[in-house]
Amino acid sequence: MSRFGSPPPSDLDVRPTQDDVDFFEENGFLVVPELTTQDELDWLMDVALAVLDDNAGTGVFEPGREIDQDLPPQIQQSIGPEMRIPELLETTFRRNAMHFAAALLGEPEDKLTTWGHMIRKPARSNRPAPWHQDQAYWRPELDYHALGCWLPLHDVTVERGCMQFIPGSHKGALRDHDFSGDPAGNLLIVHDVDASTAVACPLPAGGATFHHHLTLHYTAPNTTDLDRLAFPMEFQLMPWLRDKPVDWPWIATYRDAIGGSLGPTAVLADGKFVTIS
């Protein structure tokens, strides 16, 4: 058991309707106004602040730091085995999100694995998270069937950096991505996005969004006086090796910028690193 103990118990049980599944298939995203409780959000806030502060925000990357720019970055911290917080697998949020993920992906719950990270977008940050597709960050050696679930740990508005999506963008292929700033910062961007079609998704505390791994999405700068904290989780089948890696030039550029490859072809699955072979 970690120092945080178990999350608060709750019998909240939320499941998708066929209308939810149909909307997701057509648009590539879904808004769910309630997936967990305020008690659990309070518990998750304690976890998030400890993860981000105790570990100095030195997780996978600190996206958004431009060259010669001394602004506060959006900080991400991976939740891997080294974090030793197995109770994150026991949350009401994960249980209810799993119901939705299985239905939206068309897979049994027991076939899906999860991984997650904590994000803090500081108050009065004037930096967006640019338009991108999640798969652009992943390994070109692997193929995926996945979606993301994004849970803010409080109410979130457009001004505080809620999720925004381009409906139907998941139906196309992975777009070409470029870097915003130093490639070592690994902040990807798709330049030619028609933002006039974007749908912003503000949420009440306890609500969450789901999006397909190819759905274009974005969050605006946090212009409020409050930090924005979120706990995204990815739900996926165990990825599998492609016969031949795809050619995503930005991945090669990033690997060169950090001094080589990313190591073995491994993924994080429910708190354990699993090598794909």
C-alpha atoms as a PDB file:
ATOM      1  CA  MET A   1       0.000   0.000   0.000  1.00  0.00           C
ATOM      2  CA  SER A   2       1.224   3.495  -0.800  1.00  0.00           C
ATOM      3  CA  ARG A   3       1.365   6.385   1.673  1.00  0.00           C
ATOM      4  CA  PHE A   4      -1.970   7.641   0.287  1.00  0.00           C
ATOM      5  CA  GLY A   5      -4.046   4.632   1.324  1.00  0.00           C
ATOM      6  CA  SER A   6      -7.112   3.497  -0.558  1.00  0.00           C
ATOM      7  CA  PRO A   7      -9.344   5.920  -2.473  1.00  0.00           C
ATOM      8  CA  PRO A   8     -12.670   6.747  -0.805  1.00  0.00           C
ATOM      9  CA  PRO A   9     -15.219   3.988  -1.403  1.00  0.00           C
ATOM     10  CA  SER A  10     -18.162   4.753  -3.659  1.00  0.00           C
ATOM     11  CA  ASP A  11     -20.967   2.764  -5.272  1.00  0.00           C
ATOM     12  CA  LEU A  12     -21.271   5.273  -8.130  1.00  0.00           C
ATOM     13  CA  ASP A  13     -21.757   3.175 -11.268  1.00  0.00           C
ATOM     14  CA  VAL A  14     -21.915   4.964 -14.623  1.00  0.00           C
ATOM     15  CA  ARG A  15     -22.247   3.147 -17.946  1.00  0.00           C
ATOM     16  CA  PRO A  16     -22.530   4.293 -21.552  1.00  0.00           C
ATOM     17  CA  THR A  17     -25.714   4.222 -23.589  1.00  0.00           C
ATOM     18  CA  GLN A  18     -25.926   3.223 -27.230  1.00  0.00           C
ATOM     19  CA  ASP A  19     -26.333   6.926 -28.030  1.00  0.00           C
ATOM     20  CA  ASP A  20     -22.961   7.534 -26.324  1.00  0.00           C
ATOM     21  CA  VAL A  21     -21.306   4.847 -28.442  1.00  0.00           C
ATOM     22  CA  ASP A  22     -22.896   6.181 -31.637  1.00  0.00           C
ATOM     23  CA  PHE A  23     -21.816   9.751 -30.850  1.00  0.00           C
ATOM     24  CA  PHE A  24     -18.240   8.644 -30.185  1.00  0.00           C
ATOM     25  CA  GLU A  25     -18.060   6.635 -33.402  1.00  0.00           C
ATOM     26  CA  GLU A  26     -19.290   9.612 -35.415  1.00  0.00           C
ATOM     27  CA  ASN A  27     -17.350  12.400 -33.680  1.00  0.00           C
ATOM     28  CA  GLY A  28     -14.299  10.765 -32.093  1.00  0.00           C
ATOM     29  CA  PHE A  29     -14.960  12.195 -28.627  1.00  0.00           C
ATOM     30  CA  LEU A  30     -17.516  12.026 -25.829  1.00  0.00           C
ATOM     31  CA  VAL A  31     -18.336  14.158 -22.772  1.00  0.00           C
ATOM     32  CA  VAL A  32     -19.450  12.381 -19.592  1.00  0.00           C
ATOM     33  CA  PRO A  33     -20.607  14.806 -16.869  1.00  0.00           C
ATOM     34  CA  GLU A  34     -20.010  12.437 -13.933  1.00  0.00           C
ATOM     35  CA  LEU A  35     -17.503   9.606 -13.589  1.00  0.00           C
ATOM     36  CA  THR A  36     -16.368  10.000  -9.988  1.00  0.00           C
ATOM     37  CA  THR A  37     -17.105  11.731  -6.687  1.00  0.00           C
ATOM     38  CA  GLN A  38     -15.848  14.875  -5.000  1.00  0.00           C
ATOM     39  CA  ASP A  39     -14.337  12.760  -2.196  1.00  0.00           C
ATOM     40  CA  GLU A  40     -12.267  10.864  -4.734  1.00  0.00           C
ATOM     41  CA  LEU A  41     -11.251  14.068  -6.510  1.00  0.00           C
ATOM     42  CA  ASP A  42      -9.932  15.367  -3.172  1.00  0.00           C
ATOM     43  CA  TRP A  43      -7.922  12.136  -2.765  1.00  0.00           C
ATOM     44  CA  LEU A  44      -6.627  12.361  -6.326  1.00  0.00           C
ATOM     45  CA  MET A  45      -5.642  15.998  -5.770  1.00  0.00           C
ATOM     46  CA  ASP A  46      -3.427  14.944  -2.844  1.00  0.00           C
ATOM     47  CA  VAL A  47      -1.838  12.287  -5.046  1.00  0.00           C
ATOM     48  CA  ALA A  48      -1.340  14.669  -7.963  1.00  0.00           C
ATOM     49  CA  LEU A  49       0.284  17.406  -5.888  1.00  0.00           C
ATOM     50  CA  ALA A  50       2.631  14.890  -4.295  1.00  0.00           C
ATOM     51  CA  VAL A  51       3.556  13.346  -7.647  1.00  0.00           C
ATOM     52  CA  LEU A  52       4.175  16.722  -9.278  1.00  0.00           C
ATOM     53  CA  ASP A  53       5.902  18.444  -6.349  1.00  0.00           C
ATOM     54  CA  ASP A  54       7.861  15.579  -4.785  1.00  0.00           C
ATOM     55  CA  ASN A  55       9.229  14.608  -8.178  1.00  0.00           C
ATOM     56  CA  ALA A  56       9.911  18.173  -9.310  1.00  0.00           C
ATOM     57  CA  GLY A  57       7.753  17.724 -12.391  1.00  0.00           C
ATOM     58  CA  THR A  58      10.552  15.860 -14.137  1.00  0.00           C
ATOM     59  CA  GLY A  59       8.394  13.196 -15.713  1.00  0.00           C
ATOM     60  CA  VAL A  60       8.343  12.195 -19.362  1.00  0.00           C
ATOM     61  CA  PHE A  61       8.682  15.774 -20.588  1.00  0.00           C
ATOM     62  CA  GLU A  62       7.806  19.378 -19.835  1.00  0.00           C
ATOM     63  CA  PRO A  63       5.998  20.385 -23.039  1.00  0.00           C
ATOM     64  CA  GLY A  64       5.694  23.938 -24.182  1.00  0.00           C
ATOM     65  CA  ARG A  65       9.014  25.473 -23.206  1.00  0.00           C
ATOM     66  CA  GLU A  66       9.999  27.542 -26.230  1.00  0.00           C
ATOM     67  CA  ILE A  67      13.582  28.447 -27.066  1.00  0.00           C
ATOM     68  CA  ASP A  68      14.716  31.482 -25.032  1.00  0.00           C
ATOM     69  CA  GLN A  69      11.383  31.531 -23.211  1.00  0.00           C
ATOM     70  CA  ASP A  70      11.284  31.613 -19.404  1.00  0.00           C
ATOM     71  CA  LEU A  71       7.582  30.962 -18.862  1.00  0.00           C
ATOM     72  CA  PRO A  72       6.209  28.259 -16.533  1.00  0.00           C
ATOM     73  CA  PRO A  73       5.838  25.010 -18.481  1.00  0.00           C
ATOM     74  CA  GLN A  74       2.932  22.681 -18.406  1.00  0.00           C
ATOM     75  CA  ILE A  75       4.304  19.898 -16.223  1.00  0.00           C
ATOM     76  CA  GLN A  76       3.624  16.211 -16.703  1.00  0.00           C
ATOM     77  CA  GLN A  77       4.673  13.334 -14.479  1.00  0.00           C
ATOM     78  CA  SER A  78       4.345   9.724 -15.580  1.00  0.00           C
ATOM     79  CA  ILE A  79       2.639   7.253 -13.271  1.00  0.00           C
ATOM     80  CA  GLY A  80       4.892   4.244 -13.704  1.00  0.00           C
ATOM     81  CA  PRO A  81       5.884   1.415 -11.372  1.00  0.00           C
ATOM     82  CA  GLU A  82       8.389   3.707  -9.676  1.00  0.00           C
ATOM     83  CA  MET A  83       5.540   5.833  -8.326  1.00  0.00           C
ATOM     84  CA  ARG A  84       4.243   2.917  -6.219  1.00  0.00           C
ATOM     85  CA  ILE A  85       0.634   4.077  -6.136  1.00  0.00           C
ATOM     86  CA  PRO A  86      -1.244   0.859  -6.949  1.00  0.00           C
ATOM     87  CA  GLU A  87      -4.419   2.353  -5.482  1.00  0.00           C
ATOM     88  CA  LEU A  88      -4.828   4.387  -8.686  1.00  0.00           C
ATOM     89  CA  LEU A  89      -6.028   1.130 -10.221  1.00  0.00           C
ATOM     90  CA  GLU A  90      -8.789   0.931  -7.593  1.00  0.00           C
ATOM     91  CA  THR A  91     -10.483   4.289  -8.167  1.00  0.00           C
ATOM     92  CA  THR A  92     -14.120   4.851  -8.968  1.00  0.00           C
ATOM     93  CA  PHE A  93     -12.892   6.953 -11.881  1.00  0.00           C
ATOM     94  CA  ARG A  94     -10.958   4.076 -13.449  1.00  0.00           C
ATOM     95  CA  ARG A  95     -13.787   1.582 -12.849  1.00  0.00           C
ATOM     96  CA  ASN A  96     -16.406   3.761 -14.514  1.00  0.00           C
ATOM     97  CA  ALA A  97     -14.046   4.910 -17.272  1.00  0.00           C
ATOM     98  CA  MET A  98     -13.311   1.258 -18.044  1.00  0.00           C
ATOM     99  CA  HIS A  99     -17.049   0.661 -18.672  1.00  0.00           C
ATOM    100  CA  PHE A 100     -17.014   3.436 -21.260  1.00  0.00           C
ATOM    101  CA  ALA A 101     -13.657   2.534 -22.797  1.00  0.00           C
ATOM    102  CA  ALA A 102     -14.684  -1.079 -23.389  1.00  0.00           C
ATOM    103  CA  ALA A 103     -17.938  -0.047 -25.074  1.00  0.00           C
ATOM    104  CA  LEU A 104     -16.343   2.712 -27.156  1.00  0.00           C
ATOM    105  CA  LEU A 105     -13.480   0.484 -28.327  1.00  0.00           C
ATOM    106  CA  GLY A 106     -15.726  -2.548 -28.811  1.00  0.00           C
ATOM    107  CA  GLU A 107     -13.546  -4.730 -26.593  1.00  0.00           C
ATOM    108  CA  PRO A 108     -14.126  -6.671 -23.329  1.00  0.00           C
ATOM    109  CA  GLU A 109     -12.984  -4.870 -20.204  1.00  0.00           C
ATOM    110  CA  ASP A 110     -10.618  -7.684 -19.252  1.00  0.00           C
ATOM    111  CA  LYS A 111      -8.713  -7.228 -22.531  1.00  0.00           C
ATOM    112  CA  LEU A 112      -7.858  -3.570 -21.855  1.00  0.00           C
ATOM    113  CA  THR A 113      -4.838  -2.185 -20.046  1.00  0.00           C
ATOM    114  CA  THR A 114      -4.292   1.328 -18.699  1.00  0.00           C
ATOM    115  CA  TRP A 115      -1.608   3.887 -18.036  1.00  0.00           C
ATOM    116  CA  GLY A 116      -1.802   7.450 -16.855  1.00  0.00           C
ATOM    117  CA  HIS A 117      -0.021  10.638 -15.896  1.00  0.00           C
ATOM    118  CA  MET A 118      -0.630  13.791 -13.894  1.00  0.00           C
ATOM    119  CA  ILE A 119      -0.625  17.237 -15.530  1.00  0.00           C
ATOM    120  CA  ARG A 120      -0.464  20.725 -14.039  1.00  0.00           C
ATOM    121  CA  LYS A 121      -1.058  23.796 -16.199  1.00  0.00           C
ATOM    122  CA  PRO A 122      -0.008  26.700 -13.950  1.00  0.00           C
ATOM    123  CA  ALA A 123      -2.204  29.703 -13.285  1.00  0.00           C
ATOM    124  CA  ARG A 124      -1.872  32.508 -15.822  1.00  0.00           C
ATOM    125  CA  SER A 125       0.125  30.291 -18.157  1.00  0.00           C
ATOM    126  CA  ASN A 126      -0.032  31.865 -21.631  1.00  0.00           C
ATOM    127  CA  ARG A 127       0.753  28.676 -23.500  1.00  0.00           C
ATOM    128  CA  PRO A 128      -1.708  26.304 -25.177  1.00  0.00           C
ATOM    129  CA  ALA A 129      -1.286  22.580 -25.711  1.00  0.00           C
ATOM    130  CA  PRO A 130      -1.285  22.724 -29.534  1.00  0.00           C
ATOM    131  CA  TRP A 131      -3.493  20.727 -31.874  1.00  0.00           C
ATOM    132  CA  HIS A 132      -2.224  17.151 -32.078  1.00  0.00           C
ATOM    133  CA  GLN A 133      -3.211  13.496 -32.217  1.00  0.00           C
ATOM    134  CA  ASP A 134      -2.120  11.227 -29.376  1.00  0.00           C
ATOM    135  CA  GLN A 135      -0.717   8.494 -31.597  1.00  0.00           C
ATOM    136  CA  ALA A 136       1.904  10.922 -32.921  1.00  0.00           C
ATOM    137  CA  TYR A 137       3.699  10.565 -29.570  1.00  0.00           C
ATOM    138  CA  TRP A 138       3.740   6.770 -29.616  1.00  0.00           C
ATOM    139  CA  ARG A 139       6.156   4.217 -30.981  1.00  0.00           C
ATOM    140  CA  PRO A 140       6.150   3.711 -34.759  1.00  0.00           C
ATOM    141  CA  GLU A 141       7.219   0.102 -34.177  1.00  0.00           C
ATOM    142  CA  LEU A 142       3.824  -0.637 -32.581  1.00  0.00           C
ATOM    143  CA  ASP A 143       0.198  -0.544 -33.633  1.00  0.00           C
ATOM    144  CA  TYR A 144      -2.589   0.532 -31.270  1.00  0.00           C
ATOM    145  CA  HIS A 145      -6.302   0.321 -30.543  1.00  0.00           C
ATOM    146  CA  ALA A 146      -6.735   2.953 -27.849  1.00  0.00           C
ATOM    147  CA  LEU A 147      -8.540   5.971 -26.469  1.00  0.00           C
ATOM    148  CA  GLY A 148      -7.828   8.609 -23.879  1.00  0.00           C
ATOM    149  CA  CYS A 149      -9.929   9.656 -20.899  1.00  0.00           C
ATOM    150  CA  TRP A 150      -9.202  13.114 -19.492  1.00  0.00           C
ATOM    151  CA  LEU A 151     -10.293  13.847 -15.904  1.00  0.00           C
ATOM    152  CA  PRO A 152      -9.741  17.350 -14.504  1.00  0.00           C
ATOM    153  CA  LEU A 153      -9.526  17.384 -10.712  1.00  0.00           C
ATOM    154  CA  HIS A 154     -11.951  20.346 -10.439  1.00  0.00           C
ATOM    155  CA  ASP A 155     -14.404  22.306 -12.568  1.00  0.00           C
ATOM    156  CA  VAL A 156     -12.750  23.346 -15.816  1.00  0.00           C
ATOM    157  CA  THR A 157     -13.720  26.072 -18.279  1.00  0.00           C
ATOM    158  CA  VAL A 158     -12.317  27.145 -21.642  1.00  0.00           C
ATOM    159  CA  GLU A 159     -10.348  29.851 -19.812  1.00  0.00           C
ATOM    160  CA  ARG A 160      -8.845  27.280 -17.450  1.00  0.00           C
ATOM    161  CA  GLY A 161      -7.890  24.933 -20.302  1.00  0.00           C
ATOM    162  CA  CYS A 162     -10.671  22.429 -20.975  1.00  0.00           C
ATOM    163  CA  MET A 163     -10.340  19.951 -23.824  1.00  0.00           C
ATOM    164  CA  GLN A 164     -11.331  20.980 -27.355  1.00  0.00           C
ATOM    165  CA  PHE A 165     -11.841  18.539 -30.243  1.00  0.00           C
ATOM    166  CA  ILE A 166     -12.245  18.532 -34.029  1.00  0.00           C
ATOM    167  CA  PRO A 167     -15.298  16.314 -34.644  1.00  0.00           C
ATOM    168  CA  GLY A 168     -14.722  13.464 -37.081  1.00  0.00           C
ATOM    169  CA  SER A 169     -10.943  13.955 -37.279  1.00  0.00           C
ATOM    170  CA  HIS A 170     -10.393  10.387 -36.054  1.00  0.00           C
ATOM    171  CA  LYS A 171     -11.725   9.042 -39.357  1.00  0.00           C
ATOM    172  CA  GLY A 172      -8.610  10.065 -41.275  1.00  0.00           C
ATOM    173  CA  ALA A 173      -5.007   8.973 -41.034  1.00  0.00           C
ATOM    174  CA  LEU A 174      -2.354  10.227 -38.643  1.00  0.00           C
ATOM    175  CA  ARG A 175      -1.464  13.768 -39.738  1.00  0.00           C
ATOM    176  CA  ASP A 176       2.035  15.135 -40.192  1.00  0.00           C
ATOM    177  CA  HIS A 177       3.284  16.663 -36.949  1.00  0.00           C
ATOM    178  CA  ASP A 178       5.946  19.288 -36.287  1.00  0.00           C
ATOM    179  CA  PHE A 179       7.581  20.596 -33.100  1.00  0.00           C
ATOM    180  CA  SER A 180       6.636  23.694 -31.177  1.00  0.00           C
ATOM    181  CA  GLY A 181      10.000  24.750 -29.812  1.00  0.00           C
ATOM    182  CA  ASP A 182      13.012  22.534 -29.179  1.00  0.00           C
ATOM    183  CA  PRO A 183      12.449  18.961 -30.439  1.00  0.00           C
ATOM    184  CA  ALA A 184      13.904  17.671 -27.160  1.00  0.00           C
ATOM    185  CA  GLY A 185      10.848  19.164 -25.458  1.00  0.00           C
ATOM    186  CA  ASN A 186       8.682  16.870 -27.589  1.00  0.00           C
ATOM    187  CA  LEU A 187       5.726  19.249 -27.925  1.00  0.00           C
ATOM    188  CA  LEU A 188       4.013  18.301 -31.175  1.00  0.00           C
ATOM    189  CA  ILE A 189       1.706  20.394 -33.320  1.00  0.00           C
ATOM    190  CA  VAL A 190      -0.442  19.973 -36.452  1.00  0.00           C
ATOM    191  CA  HIS A 191      -0.348  23.301 -38.277  1.00  0.00           C
ATOM    192  CA  ASP A 192      -3.219  23.160 -40.769  1.00  0.00           C
ATOM    193  CA  VAL A 193      -6.202  22.694 -38.463  1.00  0.00           C
ATOM    194  CA  ASP A 194      -9.504  24.452 -39.111  1.00  0.00           C
ATOM    195  CA  ALA A 195     -10.148  25.545 -35.542  1.00  0.00           C
ATOM    196  CA  SER A 196     -13.492  27.067 -36.542  1.00  0.00           C
ATOM    197  CA  THR A 197     -14.962  23.561 -36.311  1.00  0.00           C
ATOM    198  CA  ALA A 198     -13.611  22.900 -32.806  1.00  0.00           C
ATOM    199  CA  VAL A 199     -15.925  21.890 -29.967  1.00  0.00           C
ATOM    200  CA  ALA A 200     -14.881  23.071 -26.501  1.00  0.00           C
ATOM    201  CA  CYS A 201     -15.881  20.786 -23.617  1.00  0.00           C
ATOM    202  CA  PRO A 202     -16.025  22.524 -20.206  1.00  0.00           C
ATOM    203  CA  LEU A 203     -16.709  20.108 -17.363  1.00  0.00           C
ATOM    204  CA  PRO A 204     -18.068  20.074 -13.818  1.00  0.00           C
ATOM    205  CA  ALA A 205     -15.939  18.481 -11.111  1.00  0.00           C
ATOM    206  CA  GLY A 206     -16.161  14.714 -11.545  1.00  0.00           C
ATOM    207  CA  GLY A 207     -16.818  14.879 -15.279  1.00  0.00           C
ATOM    208  CA  ALA A 208     -14.457  13.644 -17.984  1.00  0.00           C
ATOM    209  CA  THR A 209     -13.968  13.450 -21.733  1.00  0.00           C
ATOM    210  CA  PHE A 210     -13.029  10.481 -23.920  1.00  0.00           C
ATOM    211  CA  HIS A 211     -11.281  10.740 -27.280  1.00  0.00           C
ATOM    212  CA  HIS A 212     -10.021   8.371 -29.971  1.00  0.00           C
ATOM    213  CA  HIS A 213      -6.240   8.199 -30.358  1.00  0.00           C
ATOM    214  CA  LEU A 214      -6.500   9.912 -33.771  1.00  0.00           C
ATOM    215  CA  THR A 215      -8.878  12.715 -32.719  1.00  0.00           C
ATOM    216  CA  LEU A 216      -7.324  16.157 -33.050  1.00  0.00           C
ATOM    217  CA  HIS A 217      -7.461  17.968 -29.716  1.00  0.00           C
ATOM    218  CA  TYR A 218      -6.159  21.087 -27.992  1.00  0.00           C
ATOM    219  CA  THR A 219      -6.317  23.005 -24.728  1.00  0.00           C
ATOM    220  CA  ALA A 220      -6.151  26.799 -24.551  1.00  0.00           C
ATOM    221  CA  PRO A 221      -3.813  28.674 -22.201  1.00  0.00           C
ATOM    222  CA  ASN A 222      -4.893  28.742 -18.574  1.00  0.00           C
ATOM    223  CA  THR A 223      -5.677  32.413 -18.093  1.00  0.00           C
ATOM    224  CA  THR A 224      -7.262  32.032 -14.652  1.00  0.00           C
ATOM    225  CA  ASP A 225      -5.698  32.604 -11.239  1.00  0.00           C
ATOM    226  CA  LEU A 226      -5.927  28.879 -10.418  1.00  0.00           C
ATOM    227  CA  ASP A 227      -3.722  26.005 -11.523  1.00  0.00           C
ATOM    228  CA  ARG A 228      -5.352  23.408 -13.747  1.00  0.00           C
ATOM    229  CA  LEU A 229      -4.706  19.820 -12.676  1.00  0.00           C
ATOM    230  CA  ALA A 230      -5.785  16.729 -14.559  1.00  0.00           C
ATOM    231  CA  PHE A 231      -5.368  12.955 -14.466  1.00  0.00           C
ATOM    232  CA  PRO A 232      -5.557  11.531 -18.003  1.00  0.00           C
ATOM    233  CA  MET A 233      -5.655   7.758 -18.460  1.00  0.00           C
ATOM    234  CA  GLU A 234      -5.165   5.768 -21.648  1.00  0.00           C
ATOM    235  CA  PHE A 235      -7.212   2.606 -22.230  1.00  0.00           C
ATOM    236  CA  GLN A 236      -5.940   0.227 -24.871  1.00  0.00           C
ATOM    237  CA  LEU A 237      -5.471  -3.278 -26.089  1.00  0.00           C
ATOM    238  CA  MET A 238      -1.916  -4.394 -25.518  1.00  0.00           C
ATOM    239  CA  PRO A 239      -0.099  -2.850 -28.503  1.00  0.00           C
ATOM    240  CA  TRP A 240       1.389  -5.220 -31.073  1.00  0.00           C
ATOM    241  CA  LEU A 241       4.470  -5.127 -33.287  1.00  0.00           C
ATOM    242  CA  ARG A 242       4.021  -3.929 -36.845  1.00  0.00           C
ATOM    243  CA  ASP A 243       5.589  -6.005 -39.596  1.00  0.00           C
ATOM    244  CA  LYS A 244       7.580  -2.870 -40.429  1.00  0.00           C
ATOM    245  CA  PRO A 245       7.806   0.376 -38.417  1.00  0.00           C
ATOM    246  CA  VAL A 246       6.018   3.309 -39.998  1.00  0.00           C
ATOM    247  CA  ASP A 247       7.999   6.381 -40.995  1.00  0.00           C
ATOM    248  CA  TRP A 248       7.106   9.278 -38.716  1.00  0.00           C
ATOM    249  CA  PRO A 249       9.919  11.808 -39.234  1.00  0.00           C
ATOM    250  CA  TRP A 250       9.194  13.714 -36.038  1.00  0.00           C
ATOM    251  CA  ILE A 251       9.894  10.581 -33.975  1.00  0.00           C
ATOM    252  CA  ALA A 252      13.341  10.213 -35.549  1.00  0.00           C
ATOM    253  CA  THR A 253      14.005  13.919 -34.925  1.00  0.00           C
ATOM    254  CA  TYR A 254      12.992  13.601 -31.274  1.00  0.00           C
ATOM    255  CA  ARG A 255      15.112  10.497 -30.749  1.00  0.00           C
ATOM    256  CA  ASP A 256      18.113  12.247 -32.265  1.00  0.00           C
ATOM    257  CA  ALA A 257      17.488  15.284 -30.039  1.00  0.00           C
ATOM    258  CA  ILE A 258      17.611  13.205 -26.868  1.00  0.00           C
ATOM    259  CA  GLY A 259      20.644  11.230 -27.974  1.00  0.00           C
ATOM    260  CA  GLY A 260      19.299   8.006 -29.385  1.00  0.00           C
ATOM    261  CA  SER A 261      16.379   5.613 -29.353  1.00  0.00           C
ATOM    262  CA  LEU A 262      13.871   5.243 -26.546  1.00  0.00           C
ATOM    263  CA  GLY A 263      15.206   1.826 -25.587  1.00  0.00           C
ATOM    264  CA  PRO A 264      13.336  -1.494 -25.709  1.00  0.00           C
ATOM    265  CA  THR A 265       9.915  -1.653 -27.294  1.00  0.00           C
ATOM    266  CA  ALA A 266       7.994  -1.602 -24.032  1.00  0.00           C
ATOM    267  CA  VAL A 267       4.711  -0.150 -22.862  1.00  0.00           C
ATOM    268  CA  LEU A 268       3.272   0.713 -19.467  1.00  0.00           C
ATOM    269  CA  ALA A 269       0.305  -1.505 -18.642  1.00  0.00           C
ATOM    270  CA  ASP A 270      -1.492  -1.292 -15.290  1.00  0.00           C
ATOM    271  CA  GLY A 271       1.623  -0.231 -13.397  1.00  0.00           C
ATOM    272  CA  LYS A 272       4.096  -2.610 -15.070  1.00  0.00           C
ATOM    273  CA  PHE A 273       6.424  -2.210 -18.029  1.00  0.00           C
ATOM    274  CA  VAL A 274       5.748  -4.918 -20.607  1.00  0.00           C
ATOM    275  CA  THR A 275       8.123  -5.601 -23.492  1.00  0.00           C
ATOM    276  CA  ILE A 276       6.358  -6.229 -26.791  1.00  0.00           C
ATOM    277  CA  SER A 277       7.970  -8.946 -28.907  1.00  0.00           C
END
